Amino acid sequence: MNKEGKKQVGRYKFLPVAGEQNLNEADRKAKTADFLTDELKERVTKGPVQFRLVVQIPNAGDPTKDPSIVWPEDRKTVDIGTISVTSLVADSDAASR
């Protein structure tokens, strides 16, 4: 809902507070399939891992029925809050089911 009480389409993003780090092709190939999970396990032992929850608002005419179509980065965003990961579930595969 927007501030006028009307439903508002938006797309949410979780953005790492610590910043993004992109890998080049060679670095990506050197990583295991679970490297992000492994990194999160290591980082959470040092303290909370935080992500900003942001919603991107489309401009008039932006397609909203096909989530594979990326909206330009210049679209308005609204900060919703911060999510803190403070611990991990012991058996996350079973818990996610």
PDB file of N, CA and C in Angstrom:
ATOM      1  N   MET A   1       0.835  -1.175   0.000  1.00  0.00           N
ATOM      2  CA  MET A   1       0.000   0.000   0.000  1.00  0.00           C
ATOM      3  C   MET A   1       0.888   1.251   0.000  1.00  0.00           C
ATOM      4  N   ASN A   2       0.479   2.211  -0.796  1.00  0.00           N
ATOM      5  CA  ASN A   2       1.218   3.472  -0.770  1.00  0.00           C
ATOM      6  C   ASN A   2       0.625   4.388   0.304  1.00  0.00           C
ATOM      7  N   LYS A   3       1.157   5.580   0.428  1.00  0.00           N
ATOM      8  CA  LYS A   3       0.705   6.461   1.515  1.00  0.00           C
ATOM      9  C   LYS A   3      -0.727   6.959   1.328  1.00  0.00           C
ATOM     10  N   GLU A   4      -1.278   6.820   0.102  1.00  0.00           N
ATOM     11  CA  GLU A   4      -2.678   7.173  -0.131  1.00  0.00           C
ATOM     12  C   GLU A   4      -3.610   5.995   0.136  1.00  0.00           C
ATOM     13  N   GLY A   5      -3.065   4.850   0.565  1.00  0.00           N
ATOM     14  CA  GLY A   5      -3.869   3.677   0.862  1.00  0.00           C
ATOM     15  C   GLY A   5      -4.203   2.824  -0.352  1.00  0.00           C
ATOM     16  N   LYS A   6      -3.557   3.072  -1.477  1.00  0.00           N
ATOM     17  CA  LYS A   6      -3.804   2.306  -2.697  1.00  0.00           C
ATOM     18  C   LYS A   6      -2.749   1.219  -2.848  1.00  0.00           C
ATOM     19  N   LYS A   7      -3.164   0.101  -3.447  1.00  0.00           N
ATOM     20  CA  LYS A   7      -2.195  -0.958  -3.726  1.00  0.00           C
ATOM     21  C   LYS A   7      -1.150  -0.440  -4.703  1.00  0.00           C
ATOM     22  N   GLN A   8       0.099  -0.795  -4.453  1.00  0.00           N
ATOM     23  CA  GLN A   8       1.211  -0.329  -5.283  1.00  0.00           C
ATOM     24  C   GLN A   8       2.075  -1.519  -5.649  1.00  0.00           C
ATOM     25  N   VAL A   9       2.288  -1.711  -6.935  1.00  0.00           N
ATOM     26  CA  VAL A   9       3.176  -2.768  -7.395  1.00  0.00           C
ATOM     27  C   VAL A   9       4.610  -2.363  -7.075  1.00  0.00           C
ATOM     28  N   GLY A  10       5.430  -3.335  -6.720  1.00  0.00           N
ATOM     29  CA  GLY A  10       6.843  -3.072  -6.473  1.00  0.00           C
ATOM     30  C   GLY A  10       7.623  -4.364  -6.494  1.00  0.00           C
ATOM     31  N   ARG A  11       8.920  -4.232  -6.601  1.00  0.00           N
ATOM     32  CA  ARG A  11       9.820  -5.383  -6.557  1.00  0.00           C
ATOM     33  C   ARG A  11      10.793  -5.174  -5.411  1.00  0.00           C
ATOM     34  N   TYR A  12      10.926  -6.202  -4.592  1.00  0.00           N
ATOM     35  CA  TYR A  12      11.808  -6.048  -3.448  1.00  0.00           C
ATOM     36  C   TYR A  12      13.213  -6.549  -3.767  1.00  0.00           C
ATOM     37  N   LYS A  13      14.159  -5.952  -3.070  1.00  0.00           N
ATOM     38  CA  LYS A  13      15.571  -6.326  -3.188  1.00  0.00           C
ATOM     39  C   LYS A  13      16.138  -6.421  -1.779  1.00  0.00           C
ATOM     40  N   PHE A  14      17.000  -7.396  -1.568  1.00  0.00           N
ATOM     41  CA  PHE A  14      17.767  -7.492  -0.335  1.00  0.00           C
ATOM     42  C   PHE A  14      19.193  -7.075  -0.679  1.00  0.00           C
ATOM     43  N   LEU A  15      19.634  -5.967  -0.135  1.00  0.00           N
ATOM     44  CA  LEU A  15      20.958  -5.430  -0.450  1.00  0.00           C
ATOM     45  C   LEU A  15      21.867  -5.574   0.764  1.00  0.00           C
ATOM     46  N   PRO A  16      23.021  -6.215   0.602  1.00  0.00           N
ATOM     47  CA  PRO A  16      23.915  -6.398   1.749  1.00  0.00           C
ATOM     48  C   PRO A  16      24.446  -5.061   2.259  1.00  0.00           C
ATOM     49  N   VAL A  17      24.323  -4.843   3.566  1.00  0.00           N
ATOM     50  CA  VAL A  17      24.818  -3.615   4.174  1.00  0.00           C
ATOM     51  C   VAL A  17      26.333  -3.508   3.985  1.00  0.00           C
ATOM     52  N   ALA A  18      27.035  -4.650   3.995  1.00  0.00           N
ATOM     53  CA  ALA A  18      28.491  -4.663   3.831  1.00  0.00           C
ATOM     54  C   ALA A  18      28.912  -4.355   2.399  1.00  0.00           C
ATOM     55  N   GLY A  19      27.962  -4.271   1.477  1.00  0.00           N
ATOM     56  CA  GLY A  19      28.268  -3.967   0.088  1.00  0.00           C
ATOM     57  C   GLY A  19      28.279  -5.224  -0.767  1.00  0.00           C
ATOM     58  N   GLU A  20      28.212  -5.003  -2.060  1.00  0.00           N
ATOM     59  CA  GLU A  20      28.228  -6.103  -3.015  1.00  0.00           C
ATOM     60  C   GLU A  20      29.633  -6.322  -3.547  1.00  0.00           C
ATOM     61  N   GLN A  21      29.939  -7.577  -3.801  1.00  0.00           N
ATOM     62  CA  GLN A  21      31.216  -7.932  -4.414  1.00  0.00           C
ATOM     63  C   GLN A  21      30.916  -8.869  -5.573  1.00  0.00           C
ATOM     64  N   ASN A  22      31.192  -8.417  -6.767  1.00  0.00           N
ATOM     65  CA  ASN A  22      30.950  -9.237  -7.949  1.00  0.00           C
ATOM     66  C   ASN A  22      32.196 -10.024  -8.307  1.00  0.00           C
ATOM     67  N   LEU A  23      31.989 -11.227  -8.798  1.00  0.00           N
ATOM     68  CA  LEU A  23      33.097 -12.090  -9.199  1.00  0.00           C
ATOM     69  C   LEU A  23      33.249 -12.071 -10.704  1.00  0.00           C
ATOM     70  N   ASN A  24      34.493 -12.108 -11.151  1.00  0.00           N
ATOM     71  CA  ASN A  24      34.693 -12.298 -12.579  1.00  0.00           C
ATOM     72  C   ASN A  24      34.550 -13.792 -12.887  1.00  0.00           C
ATOM     73  N   GLU A  25      34.557 -14.152 -14.132  1.00  0.00           N
ATOM     74  CA  GLU A  25      34.314 -15.533 -14.538  1.00  0.00           C
ATOM     75  C   GLU A  25      35.330 -16.503 -13.939  1.00  0.00           C
ATOM     76  N   ALA A  26      36.593 -16.137 -13.912  1.00  0.00           N
ATOM     77  CA  ALA A  26      37.633 -17.032 -13.371  1.00  0.00           C
ATOM     78  C   ALA A  26      37.434 -17.257 -11.872  1.00  0.00           C
ATOM     79  N   ASP A  27      37.128 -16.193 -11.142  1.00  0.00           N
ATOM     80  CA  ASP A  27      36.901 -16.331  -9.698  1.00  0.00           C
ATOM     81  C   ASP A  27      35.656 -17.167  -9.419  1.00  0.00           C
ATOM     82  N   ARG A  28      34.618 -16.974 -10.213  1.00  0.00           N
ATOM     83  CA  ARG A  28      33.390 -17.739 -10.029  1.00  0.00           C
ATOM     84  C   ARG A  28      33.632 -19.226 -10.229  1.00  0.00           C
ATOM     85  N   LYS A  29      34.392 -19.569 -11.225  1.00  0.00           N
ATOM     86  CA  LYS A  29      34.678 -20.987 -11.502  1.00  0.00           C
ATOM     87  C   LYS A  29      35.521 -21.619 -10.404  1.00  0.00           C
ATOM     88  N   ALA A  30      36.292 -20.814  -9.702  1.00  0.00           N
ATOM     89  CA  ALA A  30      37.139 -21.335  -8.626  1.00  0.00           C
ATOM     90  C   ALA A  30      36.348 -21.595  -7.340  1.00  0.00           C
ATOM     91  N   LYS A  31      35.139 -21.108  -7.256  1.00  0.00           N
ATOM     92  CA  LYS A  31      34.314 -21.261  -6.060  1.00  0.00           C
ATOM     93  C   LYS A  31      33.483 -22.541  -6.129  1.00  0.00           C
ATOM     94  N   THR A  32      33.108 -23.047  -4.953  1.00  0.00           N
ATOM     95  CA  THR A  32      32.222 -24.205  -4.898  1.00  0.00           C
ATOM     96  C   THR A  32      30.779 -23.740  -5.131  1.00  0.00           C
ATOM     97  N   ALA A  33      29.896 -24.671  -5.384  1.00  0.00           N
ATOM     98  CA  ALA A  33      28.490 -24.337  -5.614  1.00  0.00           C
ATOM     99  C   ALA A  33      27.852 -23.721  -4.367  1.00  0.00           C
ATOM    100  N   ASP A  34      28.365 -24.049  -3.189  1.00  0.00           N
ATOM    101  CA  ASP A  34      27.800 -23.563  -1.931  1.00  0.00           C
ATOM    102  C   ASP A  34      28.616 -22.448  -1.286  1.00  0.00           C
ATOM    103  N   PHE A  35      29.417 -21.732  -2.055  1.00  0.00           N
ATOM    104  CA  PHE A  35      30.325 -20.762  -1.437  1.00  0.00           C
ATOM    105  C   PHE A  35      29.587 -19.643  -0.707  1.00  0.00           C
ATOM    106  N   LEU A  36      28.416 -19.241  -1.186  1.00  0.00           N
ATOM    107  CA  LEU A  36      27.688 -18.174  -0.490  1.00  0.00           C
ATOM    108  C   LEU A  36      27.166 -18.657   0.865  1.00  0.00           C
ATOM    109  N   THR A  37      26.688 -19.881   0.917  1.00  0.00           N
ATOM    110  CA  THR A  37      26.234 -20.459   2.180  1.00  0.00           C
ATOM    111  C   THR A  37      27.398 -20.586   3.148  1.00  0.00           C
ATOM    112  N   ASP A  38      28.521 -21.067   2.649  1.00  0.00           N
ATOM    113  CA  ASP A  38      29.711 -21.215   3.493  1.00  0.00           C
ATOM    114  C   ASP A  38      30.172 -19.860   4.028  1.00  0.00           C
ATOM    115  N   GLU A  39      30.146 -18.848   3.173  1.00  0.00           N
ATOM    116  CA  GLU A  39      30.569 -17.513   3.606  1.00  0.00           C
ATOM    117  C   GLU A  39      29.616 -16.967   4.671  1.00  0.00           C
ATOM    118  N   LEU A  40      28.320 -17.171   4.492  1.00  0.00           N
ATOM    119  CA  LEU A  40      27.349 -16.695   5.482  1.00  0.00           C
ATOM    120  C   LEU A  40      27.573 -17.372   6.828  1.00  0.00           C
ATOM    121  N   LYS A  41      27.825 -18.674   6.811  1.00  0.00           N
ATOM    122  CA  LYS A  41      28.100 -19.399   8.057  1.00  0.00           C
ATOM    123  C   LYS A  41      29.295 -18.788   8.783  1.00  0.00           C
ATOM    124  N   GLU A  42      30.330 -18.461   8.036  1.00  0.00           N
ATOM    125  CA  GLU A  42      31.532 -17.877   8.637  1.00  0.00           C
ATOM    126  C   GLU A  42      31.259 -16.461   9.154  1.00  0.00           C
ATOM    127  N   ARG A  43      30.586 -15.650   8.366  1.00  0.00           N
ATOM    128  CA  ARG A  43      30.340 -14.258   8.743  1.00  0.00           C
ATOM    129  C   ARG A  43      29.450 -14.129   9.961  1.00  0.00           C
ATOM    130  N   VAL A  44      28.428 -14.998  10.090  1.00  0.00           N
ATOM    131  CA  VAL A  44      27.487 -14.863  11.196  1.00  0.00           C
ATOM    132  C   VAL A  44      28.142 -15.194  12.542  1.00  0.00           C
ATOM    133  N   THR A  45      29.241 -15.942  12.519  1.00  0.00           N
ATOM    134  CA  THR A  45      29.958 -16.213  13.772  1.00  0.00           C
ATOM    135  C   THR A  45      30.645 -14.957  14.309  1.00  0.00           C
ATOM    136  N   LYS A  46      30.856 -13.958  13.451  1.00  0.00           N
ATOM    137  CA  LYS A  46      31.532 -12.725  13.838  1.00  0.00           C
ATOM    138  C   LYS A  46      30.549 -11.616  14.231  1.00  0.00           C
ATOM    139  N   GLY A  47      29.260 -11.854  14.000  1.00  0.00           N
ATOM    140  CA  GLY A  47      28.248 -10.854  14.331  1.00  0.00           C
ATOM    141  C   GLY A  47      27.120 -10.908  13.328  1.00  0.00           C
ATOM    142  N   PRO A  48      26.075 -10.111  13.556  1.00  0.00           N
ATOM    143  CA  PRO A  48      24.930 -10.116  12.650  1.00  0.00           C
ATOM    144  C   PRO A  48      25.326  -9.747  11.221  1.00  0.00           C
ATOM    145  N   VAL A  49      24.707 -10.416  10.264  1.00  0.00           N
ATOM    146  CA  VAL A  49      24.885 -10.096   8.850  1.00  0.00           C
ATOM    147  C   VAL A  49      23.609  -9.371   8.429  1.00  0.00           C
ATOM    148  N   GLN A  50      23.764  -8.143   7.954  1.00  0.00           N
ATOM    149  CA  GLN A  50      22.590  -7.316   7.710  1.00  0.00           C
ATOM    150  C   GLN A  50      22.342  -7.067   6.226  1.00  0.00           C
ATOM    151  N   PHE A  51      21.047  -6.989   5.915  1.00  0.00           N
ATOM    152  CA  PHE A  51      20.594  -6.699   4.561  1.00  0.00           C
ATOM    153  C   PHE A  51      19.526  -5.620   4.628  1.00  0.00           C
ATOM    154  N   ARG A  52      19.618  -4.644   3.726  1.00  0.00           N
ATOM    155  CA  ARG A  52      18.561  -3.634   3.602  1.00  0.00           C
ATOM    156  C   ARG A  52      17.460  -4.209   2.728  1.00  0.00           C
ATOM    157  N   LEU A  53      16.216  -4.058   3.144  1.00  0.00           N
ATOM    158  CA  LEU A  53      15.074  -4.446   2.331  1.00  0.00           C
ATOM    159  C   LEU A  53      14.573  -3.190   1.638  1.00  0.00           C
ATOM    160  N   VAL A  54      14.646  -3.191   0.315  1.00  0.00           N
ATOM    161  CA  VAL A  54      14.286  -2.036  -0.495  1.00  0.00           C
ATOM    162  C   VAL A  54      13.234  -2.476  -1.509  1.00  0.00           C
ATOM    163  N   VAL A  55      12.242  -1.632  -1.757  1.00  0.00           N
ATOM    164  CA  VAL A  55      11.243  -1.912  -2.781  1.00  0.00           C
ATOM    165  C   VAL A  55      11.421  -0.907  -3.907  1.00  0.00           C
ATOM    166  N   GLN A  56      11.527  -1.430  -5.125  1.00  0.00           N
ATOM    167  CA  GLN A  56      11.653  -0.604  -6.320  1.00  0.00           C
ATOM    168  C   GLN A  56      10.253  -0.393  -6.898  1.00  0.00           C
ATOM    169  N   ILE A  57       9.913   0.869  -7.194  1.00  0.00           N
ATOM    170  CA  ILE A  57       8.596   1.244  -7.693  1.00  0.00           C
ATOM    171  C   ILE A  57       8.692   1.485  -9.203  1.00  0.00           C
ATOM    172  N   PRO A  58       7.789   0.868  -9.988  1.00  0.00           N
ATOM    173  CA  PRO A  58       7.869   1.061 -11.442  1.00  0.00           C
ATOM    174  C   PRO A  58       7.349   2.430 -11.872  1.00  0.00           C
ATOM    175  N   ASN A  59       7.825   2.880 -13.017  1.00  0.00           N
ATOM    176  CA  ASN A  59       7.250   4.055 -13.672  1.00  0.00           C
ATOM    177  C   ASN A  59       6.057   3.594 -14.492  1.00  0.00           C
ATOM    178  N   ALA A  60       5.222   4.526 -14.879  1.00  0.00           N
ATOM    179  CA  ALA A  60       4.089   4.201 -15.751  1.00  0.00           C
ATOM    180  C   ALA A  60       4.629   3.540 -17.018  1.00  0.00           C
ATOM    181  N   GLY A  61       4.005   2.434 -17.404  1.00  0.00           N
ATOM    182  CA  GLY A  61       4.421   1.731 -18.617  1.00  0.00           C
ATOM    183  C   GLY A  61       5.436   0.630 -18.379  1.00  0.00           C
ATOM    184  N   ASP A  62       6.055   0.573 -17.204  1.00  0.00           N
ATOM    185  CA  ASP A  62       6.987  -0.520 -16.905  1.00  0.00           C
ATOM    186  C   ASP A  62       6.194  -1.826 -16.806  1.00  0.00           C
ATOM    187  N   PRO A  63       6.688  -2.893 -17.429  1.00  0.00           N
ATOM    188  CA  PRO A  63       5.968  -4.166 -17.346  1.00  0.00           C
ATOM    189  C   PRO A  63       5.979  -4.706 -15.918  1.00  0.00           C
ATOM    190  N   THR A  64       4.826  -5.154 -15.438  1.00  0.00           N
ATOM    191  CA  THR A  64       4.735  -5.650 -14.067  1.00  0.00           C
ATOM    192  C   THR A  64       4.309  -7.112 -13.979  1.00  0.00           C
ATOM    193  N   LYS A  65       3.993  -7.726 -15.106  1.00  0.00           N
ATOM    194  CA  LYS A  65       3.525  -9.115 -15.079  1.00  0.00           C
ATOM    195  C   LYS A  65       4.634 -10.122 -15.376  1.00  0.00           C
ATOM    196  N   ASP A  66       5.783  -9.654 -15.840  1.00  0.00           N
ATOM    197  CA  ASP A  66       6.910 -10.535 -16.159  1.00  0.00           C
ATOM    198  C   ASP A  66       8.118 -10.133 -15.316  1.00  0.00           C
ATOM    199  N   PRO A  67       8.372 -10.859 -14.210  1.00  0.00           N
ATOM    200  CA  PRO A  67       9.472 -10.468 -13.311  1.00  0.00           C
ATOM    201  C   PRO A  67      10.861 -10.647 -13.920  1.00  0.00           C
ATOM    202  N   SER A  68      10.950 -11.295 -15.067  1.00  0.00           N
ATOM    203  CA  SER A  68      12.271 -11.468 -15.689  1.00  0.00           C
ATOM    204  C   SER A  68      12.727 -10.209 -16.425  1.00  0.00           C
ATOM    205  N   ILE A  69      11.811  -9.273 -16.648  1.00  0.00           N
ATOM    206  CA  ILE A  69      12.168  -8.011 -17.302  1.00  0.00           C
ATOM    207  C   ILE A  69      12.659  -7.045 -16.237  1.00  0.00           C
ATOM    208  N   VAL A  70      13.906  -6.635 -16.364  1.00  0.00           N
ATOM    209  CA  VAL A  70      14.535  -5.766 -15.364  1.00  0.00           C
ATOM    210  C   VAL A  70      14.119  -4.319 -15.599  1.00  0.00           C
ATOM    211  N   TRP A  71      13.737  -3.652 -14.511  1.00  0.00           N
ATOM    212  CA  TRP A  71      13.436  -2.224 -14.601  1.00  0.00           C
ATOM    213  C   TRP A  71      14.747  -1.450 -14.481  1.00  0.00           C
ATOM    214  N   PRO A  72      14.826  -0.285 -15.120  1.00  0.00           N
ATOM    215  CA  PRO A  72      16.042   0.528 -14.998  1.00  0.00           C
ATOM    216  C   PRO A  72      16.336   0.903 -13.543  1.00  0.00           C
ATOM    217  N   GLU A  73      17.602   1.081 -13.239  1.00  0.00           N
ATOM    218  CA  GLU A  73      18.032   1.404 -11.870  1.00  0.00           C
ATOM    219  C   GLU A  73      17.574   2.786 -11.410  1.00  0.00           C
ATOM    220  N   ASP A  74      17.121   3.632 -12.333  1.00  0.00           N
ATOM    221  CA  ASP A  74      16.716   4.986 -11.929  1.00  0.00           C
ATOM    222  C   ASP A  74      15.309   5.039 -11.338  1.00  0.00           C
ATOM    223  N   ARG A  75      14.644   3.875 -11.193  1.00  0.00           N
ATOM    224  CA  ARG A  75      13.305   3.857 -10.618  1.00  0.00           C
ATOM    225  C   ARG A  75      13.374   4.174  -9.126  1.00  0.00           C
ATOM    226  N   LYS A  76      12.330   4.826  -8.639  1.00  0.00           N
ATOM    227  CA  LYS A  76      12.243   5.194  -7.224  1.00  0.00           C
ATOM    228  C   LYS A  76      12.340   3.932  -6.367  1.00  0.00           C
ATOM    229  N   THR A  77      13.029   4.054  -5.237  1.00  0.00           N
ATOM    230  CA  THR A  77      13.093   2.956  -4.275  1.00  0.00           C
ATOM    231  C   THR A  77      12.633   3.466  -2.913  1.00  0.00           C
ATOM    232  N   VAL A  78      12.086   2.547  -2.132  1.00  0.00           N
ATOM    233  CA  VAL A  78      11.631   2.855  -0.782  1.00  0.00           C
ATOM    234  C   VAL A  78      12.326   1.893   0.171  1.00  0.00           C
ATOM    235  N   ASP A  79      13.024   2.439   1.168  1.00  0.00           N
ATOM    236  CA  ASP A  79      13.655   1.605   2.185  1.00  0.00           C
ATOM    237  C   ASP A  79      12.580   1.117   3.147  1.00  0.00           C
ATOM    238  N   ILE A  80      12.475  -0.198   3.276  1.00  0.00           N
ATOM    239  CA  ILE A  80      11.463  -0.796   4.132  1.00  0.00           C
ATOM    240  C   ILE A  80      12.028  -1.108   5.515  1.00  0.00           C
ATOM    241  N   GLY A  81      13.290  -1.525   5.566  1.00  0.00           N
ATOM    242  CA  GLY A  81      13.882  -1.851   6.853  1.00  0.00           C
ATOM    243  C   GLY A  81      15.176  -2.630   6.676  1.00  0.00           C
ATOM    244  N   THR A  82      15.674  -3.157   7.771  1.00  0.00           N
ATOM    245  CA  THR A  82      16.911  -3.936   7.771  1.00  0.00           C
ATOM    246  C   THR A  82      16.632  -5.305   8.364  1.00  0.00           C
ATOM    247  N   ILE A  83      17.155  -6.321   7.712  1.00  0.00           N
ATOM    248  CA  ILE A  83      17.051  -7.694   8.198  1.00  0.00           C
ATOM    249  C   ILE A  83      18.417  -8.086   8.726  1.00  0.00           C
ATOM    250  N   SER A  84      18.457  -8.622   9.945  1.00  0.00           N
ATOM    251  CA  SER A  84      19.706  -9.070  10.551  1.00  0.00           C
ATOM    252  C   SER A  84      19.680 -10.579  10.715  1.00  0.00           C
ATOM    253  N   VAL A  85      20.654 -11.245  10.124  1.00  0.00           N
ATOM    254  CA  VAL A  85      20.812 -12.688  10.304  1.00  0.00           C
ATOM    255  C   VAL A  85      21.775 -12.860  11.469  1.00  0.00           C
ATOM    256  N   THR A  86      21.269 -13.440  12.561  1.00  0.00           N
ATOM    257  CA  THR A  86      22.079 -13.568  13.768  1.00  0.00           C
ATOM    258  C   THR A  86      22.491 -15.000  14.074  1.00  0.00           C
ATOM    259  N   SER A  87      21.821 -15.950  13.441  1.00  0.00           N
ATOM    260  CA  SER A  87      22.176 -17.355  13.619  1.00  0.00           C
ATOM    261  C   SER A  87      21.622 -18.146  12.446  1.00  0.00           C
ATOM    262  N   LEU A  88      22.096 -19.361  12.316  1.00  0.00           N
ATOM    263  CA  LEU A  88      21.655 -20.231  11.233  1.00  0.00           C
ATOM    264  C   LEU A  88      20.992 -21.469  11.810  1.00  0.00           C
ATOM    265  N   VAL A  89      20.061 -22.012  11.081  1.00  0.00           N
ATOM    266  CA  VAL A  89      19.413 -23.251  11.472  1.00  0.00           C
ATOM    267  C   VAL A  89      20.399 -24.388  11.228  1.00  0.00           C
ATOM    268  N   ALA A  90      20.491 -25.300  12.184  1.00  0.00           N
ATOM    269  CA  ALA A  90      21.473 -26.395  12.081  1.00  0.00           C
ATOM    270  C   ALA A  90      21.316 -27.201  10.796  1.00  0.00           C
ATOM    271  N   ASP A  91      20.105 -27.611  10.452  1.00  0.00           N
ATOM    272  CA  ASP A  91      19.863 -28.375   9.235  1.00  0.00           C
ATOM    273  C   ASP A  91      18.983 -27.542   8.324  1.00  0.00           C
ATOM    274  N   SER A  92      19.578 -26.569   7.623  1.00  0.00           N
ATOM    275  CA  SER A  92      18.793 -25.625   6.850  1.00  0.00           C
ATOM    276  C   SER A  92      18.065 -26.284   5.689  1.00  0.00           C
ATOM    277  N   ASP A  93      18.584 -27.377   5.129  1.00  0.00           N
ATOM    278  CA  ASP A  93      17.879 -28.056   4.045  1.00  0.00           C
ATOM    279  C   ASP A  93      16.533 -28.587   4.519  1.00  0.00           C
ATOM    280  N   ALA A  94      16.529 -29.230   5.672  1.00  0.00           N
ATOM    281  CA  ALA A  94      15.276 -29.755   6.221  1.00  0.00           C
ATOM    282  C   ALA A  94      14.349 -28.628   6.640  1.00  0.00           C
ATOM    283  N   ALA A  95      14.896 -27.570   7.225  1.00  0.00           N
ATOM    284  CA  ALA A  95      14.076 -26.458   7.690  1.00  0.00           C
ATOM    285  C   ALA A  95      13.423 -25.728   6.518  1.00  0.00           C
ATOM    286  N   SER A  96      14.103 -25.631   5.383  1.00  0.00           N
ATOM    287  CA  SER A  96      13.546 -24.913   4.241  1.00  0.00           C
ATOM    288  C   SER A  96      12.402 -25.678   3.583  1.00  0.00           C
ATOM    289  N   ARG A  97      12.355 -26.980   3.805  1.00  0.00           N
ATOM    290  CA  ARG A  97      11.251 -27.768   3.247  1.00  0.00           C
ATOM    291  C   ARG A  97      10.030 -27.548   4.079  1.00  0.00           C
TER     292      ARG A  97
END
